[in-house]
Protein backbone atom coordinates (compact mmCIF):
# COMPACT_ATOMS: atom_id res chain seq x y z
CA MET A 1 -13.48 -0.56 -13.98
CA GLN A 2 -11.66 2.27 -12.28
CA ASN A 3 -12.97 5.78 -12.62
CA PRO A 4 -10.16 7.54 -14.57
CA ASP A 5 -11.16 10.98 -13.29
CA PHE A 6 -10.93 9.86 -9.66
CA CYS A 7 -7.62 8.05 -10.23
CA SER A 8 -5.96 10.93 -12.05
CA HIS A 9 -7.27 13.36 -9.42
CA PHE A 10 -5.94 11.09 -6.64
CA HIS A 11 -2.49 10.75 -8.26
CA ASN A 12 -2.31 14.51 -8.89
CA SER A 13 -3.23 15.13 -5.25
CA ILE A 14 -0.39 12.82 -4.12
CA LYS A 15 2.11 14.71 -6.32
CA ILE A 16 0.89 18.10 -5.03
CA LEU A 17 1.15 16.78 -1.46
CA GLU A 18 4.71 15.55 -2.08
CA ASN A 19 5.78 18.89 -3.60
CA SER A 20 4.26 20.98 -0.83
CA THR A 21 5.51 18.74 1.96
CA ASN A 22 9.08 18.82 0.63
CA GLN A 23 9.04 22.55 1.31
CA GLN A 24 7.24 22.13 4.64
CA SER A 25 9.58 19.41 5.95
CA ALA A 26 12.35 21.96 6.33
CA GLU A 27 9.98 24.13 8.39
CA LEU A 28 8.93 21.38 10.84
CA SER A 29 10.47 21.22 14.29
CA GLY A 30 12.78 18.36 15.20
CA VAL A 31 10.08 16.70 17.29
CA GLN A 32 7.57 16.83 14.44
CA ARG A 33 10.04 15.44 11.93
CA TYR A 34 10.96 12.66 14.39
CA PHE A 35 7.25 11.86 14.87
CA TYR A 36 6.74 11.54 11.10
CA LEU A 37 9.90 9.45 10.73
CA VAL A 38 8.89 7.03 13.50
CA SER A 39 5.33 6.85 12.13
CA GLY A 40 6.74 6.06 8.69
CA ILE A 41 8.93 3.28 10.09
CA LEU A 42 5.95 1.74 11.92
CA LEU A 43 3.82 1.94 8.77
CA VAL A 44 6.56 0.25 6.73
CA ALA A 45 6.69 -2.54 9.34
CA ILE A 46 2.91 -3.01 9.11
CA GLY A 47 3.15 -2.98 5.32
CA VAL A 48 5.83 -5.68 5.36
CA ILE A 49 3.67 -7.80 7.66
CA GLY A 50 0.85 -7.25 5.17
CA ILE A 51 2.90 -8.97 2.48
CA PHE A 52 2.50 -12.20 4.44
CA LEU A 53 -0.94 -11.61 6.00
CA PRO A 54 -3.58 -11.02 3.34
CA VAL A 55 -5.87 -9.29 5.83
CA LEU A 56 -3.49 -6.30 5.95
CA PRO A 57 -3.30 -4.26 2.74
CA THR A 58 0.40 -3.69 2.05
CA THR A 59 0.17 -0.87 -0.47
CA ILE A 60 -1.86 1.57 1.59
CA PHE A 61 0.48 1.29 4.57
CA LEU A 62 3.49 1.87 2.32
CA ILE A 63 1.81 4.89 0.72
CA LEU A 64 1.08 6.31 4.18
CA ALA A 65 4.69 5.60 5.19
CA SER A 66 5.87 7.46 2.11
CA ALA A 67 3.69 10.45 3.05
CA CYS A 68 5.17 10.43 6.58
CA PHE A 69 8.70 10.15 5.21
CA VAL A 70 8.11 13.08 2.85
CA LYS A 71 7.40 15.24 5.90
CA GLY A 72 9.87 13.65 8.30
CA SER A 73 12.79 12.52 6.17
CA PRO A 74 12.90 12.92 2.39
CA LYS A 75 15.95 10.60 2.39
CA ALA A 76 13.85 7.84 3.99
CA ASN A 77 11.18 8.43 1.35
CA GLU A 78 13.73 8.04 -1.43
CA TRP A 79 15.01 4.85 0.24
CA LEU A 80 11.48 3.46 0.35
CA ARG A 81 10.63 4.42 -3.25
CA ASN A 82 13.91 2.92 -4.49
CA HIS A 83 13.76 -0.23 -2.34
CA LYS A 84 14.15 -3.39 -4.42
CA ILE A 85 10.87 -4.95 -3.21
CA LEU A 86 8.84 -2.30 -1.41
CA GLY A 87 9.52 0.46 -3.91
CA ALA A 88 7.50 -1.26 -6.62
CA TYR A 89 4.35 -1.14 -4.48
CA ILE A 90 4.63 2.62 -4.13
CA LYS A 91 5.96 3.59 -7.55
CA ASN A 92 3.39 1.57 -9.46
CA TYR A 93 0.59 3.06 -7.39
CA GLN A 94 1.78 6.67 -7.16
CA ASP A 95 2.80 6.80 -10.82
CA GLY A 96 -0.48 5.20 -11.90
CA THR A 97 1.29 2.58 -14.04
CA GLY A 98 -0.61 -0.34 -12.49
CA LEU A 99 0.35 -3.98 -11.95
CA THR A 100 1.35 -6.65 -14.42
CA LEU A 101 -1.13 -9.43 -15.08
CA LYS A 102 1.35 -11.90 -13.59
CA SER A 103 1.61 -9.80 -10.41
CA LYS A 104 -2.17 -9.61 -10.12
CA MET A 105 -2.52 -13.38 -10.55
CA ILE A 106 0.18 -14.16 -7.98
CA ASN A 107 -1.33 -11.73 -5.47
CA ILE A 108 -4.83 -13.13 -5.92
CA PHE A 109 -3.57 -16.71 -5.66
CA LEU A 110 -1.63 -16.00 -2.45
CA LEU A 111 -4.54 -14.01 -1.02
CA TRP A 112 -7.03 -16.83 -1.53
CA THR A 113 -4.56 -19.49 -0.36
CA MET A 114 -3.97 -17.71 2.93
CA ILE A 115 -7.63 -16.80 3.42
CA LEU A 116 -8.84 -20.34 2.77
CA LEU A 117 -6.18 -21.79 5.07
CA SER A 118 -7.33 -19.38 7.75
CA VAL A 119 -11.00 -20.18 7.16
CA PHE A 120 -10.59 -23.95 7.32
CA LEU A 121 -7.71 -24.41 9.75
CA PHE A 122 -7.65 -21.50 12.18
CA THR A 123 -11.23 -20.68 13.05
CA GLU A 124 -14.49 -22.42 13.67
CA GLU A 125 -16.48 -19.20 14.09
CA ILE A 126 -18.81 -18.70 11.15
CA TYR A 127 -18.80 -14.89 11.42
CA ILE A 128 -14.99 -14.80 11.22
CA ARG A 129 -15.10 -17.07 8.17
CA ILE A 130 -17.64 -14.76 6.52
CA ILE A 131 -15.51 -11.68 7.29
CA LEU A 132 -12.38 -13.34 5.87
CA ILE A 133 -14.18 -14.37 2.68
CA ALA A 134 -15.65 -10.86 2.34
CA ILE A 135 -12.18 -9.35 2.71
CA ALA A 136 -10.81 -11.72 0.05
CA VAL A 137 -13.64 -10.83 -2.34
CA GLY A 138 -13.08 -7.10 -1.76
CA VAL A 139 -9.32 -7.30 -2.27
CA THR A 140 -9.80 -9.45 -5.38
CA ILE A 141 -12.19 -6.88 -6.84
CA HIS A 142 -9.75 -4.08 -6.00
CA LEU A 143 -6.84 -5.91 -7.65
CA ALA A 144 -8.96 -6.64 -10.72
CA MET A 145 -9.81 -2.93 -11.00
CA VAL A 146 -6.19 -1.75 -10.75
CA LYS A 147 -4.81 -0.80 -14.14
CA THR A 148 -3.01 -3.69 -15.84
CA LYS A 149 0.51 -2.75 -16.89
CA LYS A 150 2.09 -4.22 -19.97
CA ASN A 151 5.27 -6.26 -19.34
């Protein structure tokens, strides 16, 4: 199970960061804001790739992108948080509402499907197979520990 103290502390830290960086973003130079904006765009791209490659964790890259956008372009952050598909990853995590049971099951099914395809079709190296299985086990445990949201 998740440690509620750690989770609430983490979510409060994110909110404090967002509030303080909204004020700081106006104080950043144009080069710094551009750097954060470009970094955010790259992180979103990696997060989108992570939707299809189970080895890349989508949510963390989108959360990092959101943090970059808060500093570089609050409008881009609002776009990301309100995006039809990507916004759910961030909102559910930042708000601490969790994932639906259906979402967890679909994610775990797709994760294991892609990992097992990779293990049996794309590599003959035993150490790579072990690493892939270990990643799948770790992600499965993480998804199981995420709060389950009621429909």
